[in-house]
Structure formats: C-alpha cells, structure tokens
Amino acid sequence: MIRKFFRLDELNTNVRQEVIAGVTTFITMAYIVVVNPRILEAAGIPFGPSVVATVLSAFFGTLAMGLYANRPFAIAPYMGENAFIAFTVVKVLGYSWQTALGAVFIGGLLFTLLTVLRIRSWLASAIPEGLKIGFAVGIGLFLTFIGLNETGIVTLGVKGAPVHVGDFHDTSVLLAILGFVTIGFLMIRRVKGAILIGIFVVTLLAFFTKTAALPDKWVSMPPDISPIFLKLDIKGALTWGFFSVILTVFVMDFVDTMGTLLGVSYKAGLLDEKGNLPEIEKPMLCDALATVVAALLGTTTTGTYIESAAGIEAGGRSGLTAVVTALLFLAALFFAPVFAAVPPQAYGPALIIVGMLMLSPVTKIRFDDLTEVIPVFAIIVLMSFTYNLGIGMTAGFVLYPLMKALAGRIREVPAGLWILAAISALFFVYYPY
C-alpha cells in the first residue's frame, strides 16, 4: 500500500531507501529547531514558544509536501528571512514582531492565491534552463559555504580579507575534516546511507572527545506556545510605510522557493524533458500554506529547504522521504535536547559533500554564449558572497533579459521572465539595505 501510494516502483526507489533519505534530510536541517528560535529571540519572540512554532510549521509543511505533492522536499522556516525579520524589520526599522508576522501572513495568502491561479507555475515554466542550472550550482556553493563556516574550517577574517582558514589544531575542526573524509570514503565505496553514517560517527566522536556535550535529558515536554500563537498584527502590516517590508518578504520567499525547488529538482533528475517540474503547483501550494500556518503559529516565512538535497543524494525520490522527515520534526517536540546535541562538526561535512555534488550541472552551462553565462555567473557568486539566496536569484532574473536585449536577441526572453525581472527590480529598489 505504501509502495503504491508514493509510487515507489515508478520512481525506482524503496521504503528502506526513502526512510534513510528522510532521516538524512532531518539530521542535516535539525539545527533549525534551535537556530531559528535563537535568531527570532533577537526580535523579542520568546525562545521556548518559538521552538514549538518552528517545529509545528516544519511538520505541517513537510507532511503536506509528502502526502499531497509526493516530493522528497522538506519545508521549514527560512534562514535569511528570519534574520531579515529579526535584525532589519524589528531592530533597524523599529516595527514589532507581531507586525512583521502580519507581513508574513499576507505574503503567504498572496502565494496561495497565485498558486491556485497557476500564476506561480506559469512563471516557473518561463525560467530558462541556464538559470535553473545557476540555481542548482549556486545552492551547492551556498551549502558548502554554510558547512565550512559552521564547522570552523573557514572563519570570519578581517577587513580586506573577510574570510580566513580555521584553526586546524582545534579538535572540532579536525573532527569536521574527518567527517568529510569519512563520508567521501563511504560514498566512493558505494555504502548506502553514507552521509547519515558519517554524521552519526562524528557525533559519537564529538561526545567522546568532549567537543560536544551530551544532552542533559533525553525527553522533555514542549513549551507553551500561547505567548506567540495568533499574536500577528495584520492591520499594522497593511500600511503604506510597511510596503517595502511586505514586498521584500514576498519576493525573497517567491524566488527562494522557486529557485530551490527547481535547483534541487534539477539535481535529483525530477524535471521533465522540457526542464520543468511536473505538477510544480503542488509543492508550491504546500510552501504557501505552510507560510500562512507559520505566521499564525508565531514564526517566519517557510519554504523548501536546500538541505533536502542531502536526502535526495541519499536516495530520496518520493514523498515518503518528506513524511519521515516530518515525523522526526514532530518527535523533536519531545526529543529536542537530543537533536540539538548533534554538533556542527557532524552535520557540516554533510552540507559540504552535498554542495560538492550539486556542482555537476555546471558542465551544461553554455560558456560560449555570454548572454547565458553572465546571469548564471551572477546567480552563483551572489548567492554565496552575499549569504542570501534571494539576492543571487533576483540578480539572475534581472540580468538574463537585459543581456538578451543588449545582444539584440530579445525574442529569446519568455513573457513570464519579464514579469520576474520587473518584480526582482522592485526588490532591489525597495530592499532595506
């Protein structure tokens, strides 16, 4: 029954492979259970209730992705969007977190409407293959950079040299390198679940070397969510002065989700012969509804997570992968101390490896055509060097039609791409730098 419901035979996969993939995806993104609430704490959202909101929104979105869309993608509150809300909207612009969540809710409703009307899927089909390749490769480098930074292999530098090699005398850094080599070795030997095994081995070694602390307790009851549940201020968000915030939230999620879906799907081989993701409106509707639910629960914009690539690399091809990930998120409500105990030096190498694997589509870039290369290059480098997926994606949307127009090849630009370019241009105009 499970095989038939998730079309496992059709997708050339099996239950064991999907379960391993689901666990792998969860482990690589379990940090969000703690990190998202810590970031939003700077906006005044209490940590305990925020953990519950983070977990429940991830559970709802990822379960919907598995059961309704039958895709191996996980949904959770976006990194980047949460920092934008906490540090820019609340800290710099001075709005309340309740009003900021009102903007997230409005954005979710707009996404839902555009998805139901199939406008989002129409726009997605207008994106050329070159940009989709850029999304995949850019996401890969972004994941790699996150992994290098989280593990301490690469650290912040000084003015004039913003990044610096980490301390290779540090045990935690050495464990991260060992994790990278271990996963690489297991993959060379074609061991199933190589990424998950690598994470588990390094976690045990981190406990043994005391570079990571064992959890004080294994099970705990979830905190009370009532201080943030349904506390969003929609009326406060519906003001002209808040327009730039709503536009930024809308565009960041719009392009992040679209780019992530297409980029990860490209690597997973889920796109059809025309380079489109079949029934893309289903995963888009899942992320739109999850954003609405997230705002009601008390957390920020949700969307498809790039860490889904880790589960896909582990063999995930169906919605069963997402269902397993969703159930693990639900379990995290009670086992949060255990999942929080997995150190960066354990999951960081997995992100680096997955990032490496996502670089393979770069060979399909048409390097003999600068109208293709320039926007793709902008996507790839800006995603990582601005530490913001949305910046790279929107830059690509603006540059692609511009380069084609300058080359006198304007007819090569699909109508939908002009709309994406206009929206992206507005993003750069109103982005609160």
Protein backbone atom coordinates (compact mmCIF):
# COMPACT_ATOMS: atom_id res chain seq x y z
CA MET A 1 0.00 0.00 0.00
CA ILE A 2 2.84 2.40 0.89
CA ARG A 3 4.69 1.49 -2.31
CA LYS A 4 1.59 2.19 -4.39
CA PHE A 5 0.59 5.43 -2.62
CA PHE A 6 4.05 7.00 -3.02
CA ARG A 7 4.64 5.38 -6.46
CA LEU A 8 7.93 3.87 -5.26
CA ASP A 9 8.24 1.38 -8.12
CA GLU A 10 7.58 4.09 -10.70
CA LEU A 11 10.24 6.30 -9.08
CA ASN A 12 12.72 3.40 -8.84
CA THR A 13 13.08 3.54 -5.06
CA ASN A 14 12.09 1.52 -2.00
CA VAL A 15 10.90 2.03 1.58
CA ARG A 16 14.33 1.50 3.19
CA GLN A 17 15.98 3.98 0.84
CA GLU A 18 13.26 6.58 1.47
CA VAL A 19 13.48 6.19 5.25
CA ILE A 20 17.26 6.66 5.19
CA ALA A 21 16.80 9.71 2.99
CA GLY A 22 14.18 11.17 5.32
CA VAL A 23 16.39 10.71 8.36
CA THR A 24 19.34 12.21 6.48
CA THR A 25 17.36 15.30 5.49
CA PHE A 26 16.17 15.78 9.04
CA ILE A 27 19.59 15.40 10.61
CA THR A 28 21.15 17.92 8.22
CA MET A 29 18.47 20.51 8.99
CA ALA A 30 17.66 19.67 12.62
CA TYR A 31 19.67 22.74 13.61
CA ILE A 32 16.68 24.86 12.58
CA VAL A 33 14.82 23.64 15.69
CA VAL A 34 17.25 25.67 17.80
CA VAL A 35 18.77 28.22 15.40
CA ASN A 36 15.52 29.75 14.13
CA PRO A 37 14.21 30.49 17.66
CA ARG A 38 17.61 31.91 18.67
CA ILE A 39 17.55 34.35 15.75
CA LEU A 40 13.94 35.37 16.36
CA GLU A 41 14.72 35.83 20.04
CA ALA A 42 16.56 39.00 18.98
CA ALA A 43 13.19 40.31 17.74
CA GLY A 44 11.59 39.69 21.11
CA ILE A 45 9.91 36.37 20.28
CA PRO A 46 10.36 34.11 23.33
CA PHE A 47 12.62 31.12 22.70
CA GLY A 48 10.52 28.26 24.13
CA PRO A 49 7.27 29.03 22.27
CA SER A 50 9.32 29.79 19.15
CA VAL A 51 10.77 26.26 19.22
CA VAL A 52 7.25 24.84 19.16
CA ALA A 53 6.17 27.18 16.33
CA THR A 54 9.27 26.24 14.32
CA VAL A 55 8.69 22.50 14.74
CA LEU A 56 4.94 22.59 14.05
CA SER A 57 5.30 24.73 10.93
CA ALA A 58 8.03 22.40 9.62
CA PHE A 59 5.89 19.35 10.43
CA PHE A 60 2.81 20.77 8.69
CA GLY A 61 4.63 21.90 5.54
CA THR A 62 6.83 18.83 5.15
CA LEU A 63 3.95 16.39 5.79
CA ALA A 64 1.84 18.21 3.19
CA MET A 65 4.77 18.03 0.77
CA GLY A 66 4.97 14.27 1.26
CA LEU A 67 1.29 13.35 1.24
CA TYR A 68 -0.07 15.89 -1.25
CA ALA A 69 2.85 16.70 -3.58
CA ASN A 70 4.69 13.34 -3.22
CA ARG A 71 8.05 15.10 -3.37
CA PRO A 72 11.15 14.42 -1.21
CA PHE A 73 11.42 18.05 -0.11
CA ALA A 74 11.35 19.37 3.46
CA ILE A 75 9.75 22.66 4.45
CA ALA A 76 10.77 24.79 7.44
CA PRO A 77 11.22 28.46 8.38
CA TYR A 78 13.77 30.00 6.05
CA MET A 79 17.18 31.10 7.19
CA GLY A 80 17.74 34.60 5.84
CA GLU A 81 14.10 35.57 6.06
CA ASN A 82 14.19 35.04 9.83
CA ALA A 83 17.30 37.23 10.12
CA PHE A 84 15.68 39.87 7.90
CA ILE A 85 12.65 39.99 10.21
CA ALA A 86 14.67 39.99 13.43
CA PHE A 87 17.52 42.34 12.61
CA THR A 88 16.19 44.59 9.81
CA VAL A 89 12.42 44.86 10.32
CA VAL A 90 12.42 44.83 14.12
CA LYS A 91 15.88 46.03 15.18
CA VAL A 92 16.62 48.59 12.44
CA LEU A 93 13.19 49.71 11.21
CA GLY A 94 11.63 49.51 14.67
CA TYR A 95 8.48 47.53 13.89
CA SER A 96 7.10 44.96 16.33
CA TRP A 97 7.49 41.26 15.70
CA GLN A 98 3.70 40.99 15.69
CA THR A 99 3.50 43.40 12.73
CA ALA A 100 6.32 41.55 10.98
CA LEU A 101 4.39 38.29 11.30
CA GLY A 102 1.40 40.12 9.83
CA ALA A 103 3.53 40.75 6.72
CA VAL A 104 4.50 37.07 6.60
CA PHE A 105 0.82 36.10 6.79
CA ILE A 106 -0.12 38.48 3.96
CA GLY A 107 2.73 37.11 1.86
CA GLY A 108 1.50 33.56 2.48
CA LEU A 109 -2.02 34.45 1.37
CA LEU A 110 -0.66 36.06 -1.81
CA PHE A 111 1.45 32.94 -2.53
CA THR A 112 -1.59 30.73 -2.03
CA LEU A 113 -3.73 32.84 -4.38
CA LEU A 114 -1.06 32.97 -7.08
CA THR A 115 -0.52 29.21 -6.79
CA VAL A 116 -4.21 28.33 -7.02
CA LEU A 117 -4.50 30.57 -10.08
CA ARG A 118 -1.44 28.73 -11.51
CA ILE A 119 0.42 32.01 -11.97
CA ARG A 120 3.43 30.80 -9.99
CA SER A 121 3.75 27.61 -12.06
CA TRP A 122 3.42 29.67 -15.27
CA LEU A 123 6.24 31.93 -14.13
CA ALA A 124 8.36 28.94 -13.15
CA SER A 125 7.95 27.42 -16.62
CA ALA A 126 9.29 30.68 -18.12
CA ILE A 127 12.68 30.26 -16.43
CA PRO A 128 15.37 29.18 -18.95
CA GLU A 129 17.46 26.07 -18.32
CA GLY A 130 20.59 28.18 -17.83
CA LEU A 131 19.09 29.94 -14.82
CA LYS A 132 17.92 26.62 -13.37
CA ILE A 133 21.49 25.34 -13.65
CA GLY A 134 22.65 28.51 -11.90
CA PHE A 135 20.19 27.88 -9.07
CA ALA A 136 21.46 24.31 -8.59
CA VAL A 137 25.14 25.24 -8.66
CA GLY A 138 24.62 28.37 -6.55
CA ILE A 139 22.71 26.40 -3.93
CA GLY A 140 25.55 23.89 -3.90
CA LEU A 141 28.19 26.54 -3.22
CA PHE A 142 25.92 28.16 -0.63
CA LEU A 143 25.53 24.83 1.19
CA THR A 144 29.29 24.32 1.03
CA PHE A 145 29.96 27.76 2.47
CA ILE A 146 27.48 27.15 5.29
CA GLY A 147 29.15 23.82 6.07
CA LEU A 148 32.65 25.30 6.04
CA ASN A 149 31.61 28.15 8.30
CA GLU A 150 29.54 26.05 10.70
CA THR A 151 32.42 23.62 11.24
CA GLY A 152 35.08 26.30 11.67
CA ILE A 153 37.09 25.14 8.66
CA VAL A 154 36.54 28.65 7.31
CA THR A 155 36.05 31.55 9.72
CA LEU A 156 35.44 35.28 9.59
CA GLY A 157 38.56 37.24 8.73
CA VAL A 158 39.45 40.90 8.96
CA LYS A 159 38.81 43.99 6.84
CA GLY A 160 40.31 43.40 3.42
CA ALA A 161 40.31 39.62 3.94
CA PRO A 162 36.76 38.77 5.05
CA VAL A 163 37.32 35.00 5.36
CA HIS A 164 40.16 33.06 6.92
CA VAL A 165 41.14 29.43 7.36
CA GLY A 166 40.12 27.97 10.71
CA ASP A 167 42.41 26.60 13.40
CA PHE A 168 43.42 23.11 12.31
CA HIS A 169 44.73 22.47 15.83
CA ASP A 170 41.14 22.68 17.07
CA THR A 171 39.69 19.22 17.75
CA SER A 172 36.24 20.19 16.49
CA VAL A 173 37.72 21.35 13.16
CA LEU A 174 39.70 18.11 12.85
CA LEU A 175 36.53 16.13 13.53
CA ALA A 176 34.76 18.04 10.75
CA ILE A 177 37.57 17.21 8.33
CA LEU A 178 37.41 13.58 9.47
CA GLY A 179 33.66 13.66 8.81
CA PHE A 180 34.21 14.96 5.29
CA VAL A 181 36.80 12.26 4.55
CA THR A 182 34.63 9.54 6.13
CA ILE A 183 31.56 10.42 4.09
CA GLY A 184 33.69 10.71 0.96
CA PHE A 185 35.26 7.30 1.57
CA LEU A 186 31.88 5.65 2.21
CA MET A 187 30.44 7.19 -0.95
CA ILE A 188 33.43 6.02 -3.00
CA ARG A 189 32.79 2.53 -1.64
CA ARG A 190 29.09 3.00 -2.54
CA VAL A 191 27.90 2.40 1.02
CA LYS A 192 24.17 3.12 1.41
CA GLY A 193 23.40 5.90 3.87
CA ALA A 194 26.98 7.21 3.75
CA ILE A 195 26.01 10.74 4.77
CA LEU A 196 23.93 9.56 7.73
CA ILE A 197 26.66 7.16 8.89
CA GLY A 198 29.22 9.98 8.72
CA ILE A 199 27.04 12.27 10.80
CA PHE A 200 26.49 9.53 13.41
CA VAL A 201 30.20 8.63 13.66
CA VAL A 202 31.35 12.23 14.12
CA THR A 203 28.61 12.90 16.67
CA LEU A 204 29.82 9.95 18.78
CA LEU A 205 33.43 11.10 18.46
CA ALA A 206 32.43 14.63 19.45
CA PHE A 207 30.82 13.28 22.62
CA PHE A 208 33.85 11.08 23.32
CA THR A 209 36.32 13.97 22.88
CA LYS A 210 34.02 16.31 24.80
CA THR A 211 33.93 18.83 21.94
CA ALA A 212 30.14 18.46 22.12
CA ALA A 213 28.07 17.99 25.25
CA LEU A 214 25.75 15.09 25.84
CA PRO A 215 22.15 16.25 26.36
CA ASP A 216 21.22 16.88 29.99
CA LYS A 217 17.99 15.00 29.39
CA TRP A 218 16.69 12.93 26.52
CA VAL A 219 12.98 13.72 26.70
CA SER A 220 11.16 16.92 27.63
CA MET A 221 7.63 18.30 27.32
CA PRO A 222 7.11 21.04 24.69
CA PRO A 223 6.95 24.65 25.98
CA ASP A 224 3.68 26.59 25.97
CA ILE A 225 3.09 28.25 22.57
CA SER A 226 0.32 30.61 23.73
CA PRO A 227 2.56 33.74 24.12
CA ILE A 228 3.03 33.87 20.32
CA PHE A 229 0.13 31.84 18.91
CA LEU A 230 -2.23 34.04 16.82
CA LYS A 231 -0.43 37.18 18.00
CA LEU A 232 0.28 38.53 14.49
CA ASP A 233 -0.78 42.13 13.68
CA ILE A 234 -2.26 42.10 10.18
CA LYS A 235 -3.78 45.59 10.45
CA GLY A 236 -0.42 47.09 11.39
CA ALA A 237 1.18 45.46 8.35
CA LEU A 238 -1.41 46.95 5.98
CA THR A 239 0.12 50.43 5.95
CA TRP A 240 1.99 52.21 3.16
CA GLY A 241 5.10 52.57 5.27
CA PHE A 242 5.24 48.80 5.59
CA PHE A 243 5.01 48.23 1.82
CA SER A 244 8.77 47.75 1.36
CA VAL A 245 8.80 45.08 4.07
CA ILE A 246 5.89 43.15 2.54
CA LEU A 247 7.46 43.40 -0.92
CA THR A 248 10.82 42.16 0.38
CA VAL A 249 9.26 39.26 2.29
CA PHE A 250 7.15 38.38 -0.76
CA VAL A 251 10.00 38.45 -3.30
CA MET A 252 12.52 36.69 -1.04
CA ASP A 253 10.16 33.76 -0.47
CA PHE A 254 8.88 33.79 -4.06
CA VAL A 255 12.32 33.45 -5.65
CA ASP A 256 13.85 31.35 -2.85
CA THR A 257 11.15 28.69 -3.11
CA MET A 258 11.03 28.70 -6.88
CA GLY A 259 14.80 28.61 -7.23
CA THR A 260 15.27 25.96 -4.55
CA LEU A 261 12.55 23.72 -5.98
CA LEU A 262 13.97 23.90 -9.49
CA GLY A 263 17.61 23.72 -8.41
CA VAL A 264 17.18 20.67 -6.16
CA SER A 265 14.81 19.01 -8.64
CA TYR A 266 17.32 19.56 -11.43
CA LYS A 267 19.98 17.72 -9.45
CA ALA A 268 17.54 14.95 -8.47
CA GLY A 269 16.52 14.37 -12.09
CA LEU A 270 12.88 15.21 -11.36
CA LEU A 271 12.48 17.72 -14.19
CA ASP A 272 10.79 16.63 -17.42
CA GLU A 273 12.24 16.78 -20.93
CA LYS A 274 11.31 20.48 -21.16
CA GLY A 275 13.17 21.28 -17.93
CA ASN A 276 10.01 21.79 -15.87
CA LEU A 277 8.97 20.14 -12.60
CA PRO A 278 5.71 18.25 -13.27
CA GLU A 279 2.80 19.45 -11.12
CA ILE A 280 5.01 22.15 -9.61
CA GLU A 281 1.91 23.89 -8.28
CA LYS A 282 1.55 21.12 -5.67
CA PRO A 283 4.85 21.72 -3.82
CA MET A 284 4.32 25.47 -4.29
CA LEU A 285 0.91 25.25 -2.64
CA CYS A 286 2.43 23.29 0.25
CA ASP A 287 5.00 26.01 0.94
CA ALA A 288 2.39 28.77 0.54
CA LEU A 289 0.01 27.20 3.06
CA ALA A 290 2.92 26.43 5.39
CA THR A 291 3.83 30.13 5.40
CA VAL A 292 0.27 31.05 6.37
CA VAL A 293 0.32 28.46 9.16
CA ALA A 294 3.78 29.59 10.31
CA ALA A 295 2.61 33.19 10.76
CA LEU A 296 -0.40 32.02 12.77
CA LEU A 297 1.82 29.82 14.95
CA GLY A 298 4.25 32.66 15.57
CA THR A 299 7.23 32.15 13.27
CA THR A 300 8.54 33.48 9.97
CA THR A 301 8.30 32.57 6.28
CA THR A 302 8.67 28.88 5.44
CA GLY A 303 9.78 27.23 2.23
CA THR A 304 11.54 24.30 0.65
CA TYR A 305 14.90 23.70 2.31
CA ILE A 306 18.11 23.32 0.37
CA GLU A 307 19.15 20.61 2.87
CA SER A 308 16.57 18.43 1.09
CA ALA A 309 19.42 17.84 -1.33
CA ALA A 310 21.12 15.71 1.33
CA GLY A 311 18.16 13.34 1.47
CA ILE A 312 17.91 13.27 -2.31
CA GLU A 313 21.59 12.39 -2.55
CA ALA A 314 20.88 9.58 -0.06
CA GLY A 315 18.30 8.19 -2.49
CA GLY A 316 15.08 10.02 -1.64
CA ARG A 317 12.77 10.33 -4.62
CA SER A 318 9.21 10.24 -3.27
CA GLY A 319 7.01 11.91 -0.68
CA LEU A 320 7.80 9.12 1.77
CA THR A 321 11.14 10.85 2.38
CA ALA A 322 9.28 14.02 3.37
CA VAL A 323 6.82 12.10 5.59
CA VAL A 324 9.71 10.52 7.52
CA THR A 325 11.33 13.96 7.93
CA ALA A 326 8.01 15.44 9.08
CA LEU A 327 7.50 12.76 11.73
CA LEU A 328 11.02 13.32 13.03
CA PHE A 329 10.25 17.04 13.31
CA LEU A 330 7.17 16.16 15.37
CA ALA A 331 9.29 13.90 17.57
CA ALA A 332 11.66 16.83 18.05
CA LEU A 333 8.96 18.46 20.19
CA PHE A 334 9.78 15.86 22.83
CA PHE A 335 13.39 14.99 21.91
CA ALA A 336 14.66 18.49 21.14
CA PRO A 337 17.64 18.12 23.55
CA VAL A 338 18.85 15.06 21.62
CA PHE A 339 18.62 16.66 18.18
CA ALA A 340 20.13 19.89 19.46
CA ALA A 341 23.11 17.88 20.73
CA VAL A 342 24.22 16.95 17.18
CA PRO A 343 27.19 19.33 16.73
CA PRO A 344 28.01 21.40 13.61
CA GLN A 345 31.17 19.36 13.02
CA ALA A 346 28.87 16.36 12.46
CA TYR A 347 26.28 17.80 10.06
CA GLY A 348 28.57 20.43 8.49
CA PRO A 349 30.59 17.92 6.43
CA ALA A 350 27.32 16.57 5.04
CA LEU A 351 26.44 20.03 3.75
CA ILE A 352 29.90 20.37 2.18
CA ILE A 353 29.61 16.99 0.44
CA VAL A 354 26.10 17.73 -0.85
CA GLY A 355 27.28 21.13 -2.06
CA MET A 356 30.08 19.45 -3.98
CA LEU A 357 27.67 17.02 -5.62
CA MET A 358 25.37 19.85 -6.69
CA LEU A 359 28.13 21.43 -8.79
CA SER A 360 27.88 18.79 -11.53
CA PRO A 361 25.31 20.67 -13.70
CA VAL A 362 27.90 23.43 -14.24
CA THR A 363 29.20 21.42 -17.22
CA LYS A 364 25.91 22.13 -19.02
CA ILE A 365 26.33 25.91 -18.92
CA ARG A 366 26.77 27.35 -22.40
CA PHE A 367 30.09 29.08 -21.83
CA ASP A 368 30.26 30.10 -25.49
CA ASP A 369 27.23 32.38 -25.02
CA LEU A 370 27.89 35.34 -22.71
CA THR A 371 24.19 36.25 -22.59
CA GLU A 372 23.75 32.94 -20.74
CA VAL A 373 27.00 32.95 -18.76
CA ILE A 374 26.75 36.45 -17.23
CA PRO A 375 23.37 36.00 -15.45
CA VAL A 376 24.26 32.45 -14.36
CA PHE A 377 27.59 33.64 -13.00
CA ALA A 378 25.81 36.43 -11.07
CA ILE A 379 23.41 33.91 -9.56
CA ILE A 380 26.18 31.56 -8.43
CA VAL A 381 28.54 34.11 -6.90
CA LEU A 382 25.95 36.40 -5.33
CA MET A 383 24.15 33.54 -3.61
CA SER A 384 27.28 32.72 -1.64
CA PHE A 385 29.09 36.05 -1.41
CA THR A 386 26.01 37.93 -0.14
CA TYR A 387 24.99 34.94 2.01
CA ASN A 388 21.48 35.35 0.57
CA LEU A 389 19.88 33.00 -1.97
CA GLY A 390 17.28 35.61 -2.90
CA ILE A 391 19.88 38.21 -3.92
CA GLY A 392 21.52 35.83 -6.39
CA MET A 393 18.24 34.60 -7.86
CA THR A 394 16.76 38.08 -8.35
CA ALA A 395 20.01 39.29 -9.92
CA GLY A 396 19.76 36.46 -12.44
CA PHE A 397 16.16 37.33 -13.27
CA VAL A 398 17.16 40.95 -13.96
CA LEU A 399 20.35 40.22 -15.90
CA TYR A 400 19.06 37.48 -18.21
CA PRO A 401 16.55 39.58 -20.19
CA LEU A 402 18.90 42.57 -20.00
CA MET A 403 21.77 40.64 -21.60
CA LYS A 404 19.49 39.20 -24.28
CA ALA A 405 18.14 42.67 -25.07
CA LEU A 406 21.64 44.17 -25.30
CA ALA A 407 22.61 41.38 -27.69
CA GLY A 408 19.59 42.05 -29.90
CA ARG A 409 18.05 38.69 -29.00
CA ILE A 410 15.03 39.93 -27.10
CA ARG A 411 12.77 37.31 -28.70
CA GLU A 412 14.55 34.63 -26.68
CA VAL A 413 13.08 36.02 -23.45
CA PRO A 414 9.78 34.37 -22.39
CA ALA A 415 6.96 36.73 -21.37
CA GLY A 416 6.89 35.35 -17.84
CA LEU A 417 10.56 36.15 -17.35
CA TRP A 418 9.90 39.85 -17.96
CA ILE A 419 7.45 39.76 -15.06
CA LEU A 420 10.03 38.07 -12.84
CA ALA A 421 12.59 40.66 -13.90
CA ALA A 422 10.22 43.53 -13.00
CA ILE A 423 9.44 42.03 -9.59
CA SER A 424 13.14 41.45 -8.96
CA ALA A 425 14.00 45.03 -9.95
CA LEU A 426 11.44 46.28 -7.42
CA PHE A 427 13.09 44.05 -4.84
CA PHE A 428 16.42 45.80 -5.31
CA VAL A 429 14.78 49.23 -5.24
CA TYR A 430 12.86 48.70 -2.01
CA TYR A 431 15.19 46.30 -0.19
CA PRO A 432 16.04 47.97 3.15
CA TYR A 433 19.84 47.93 2.81
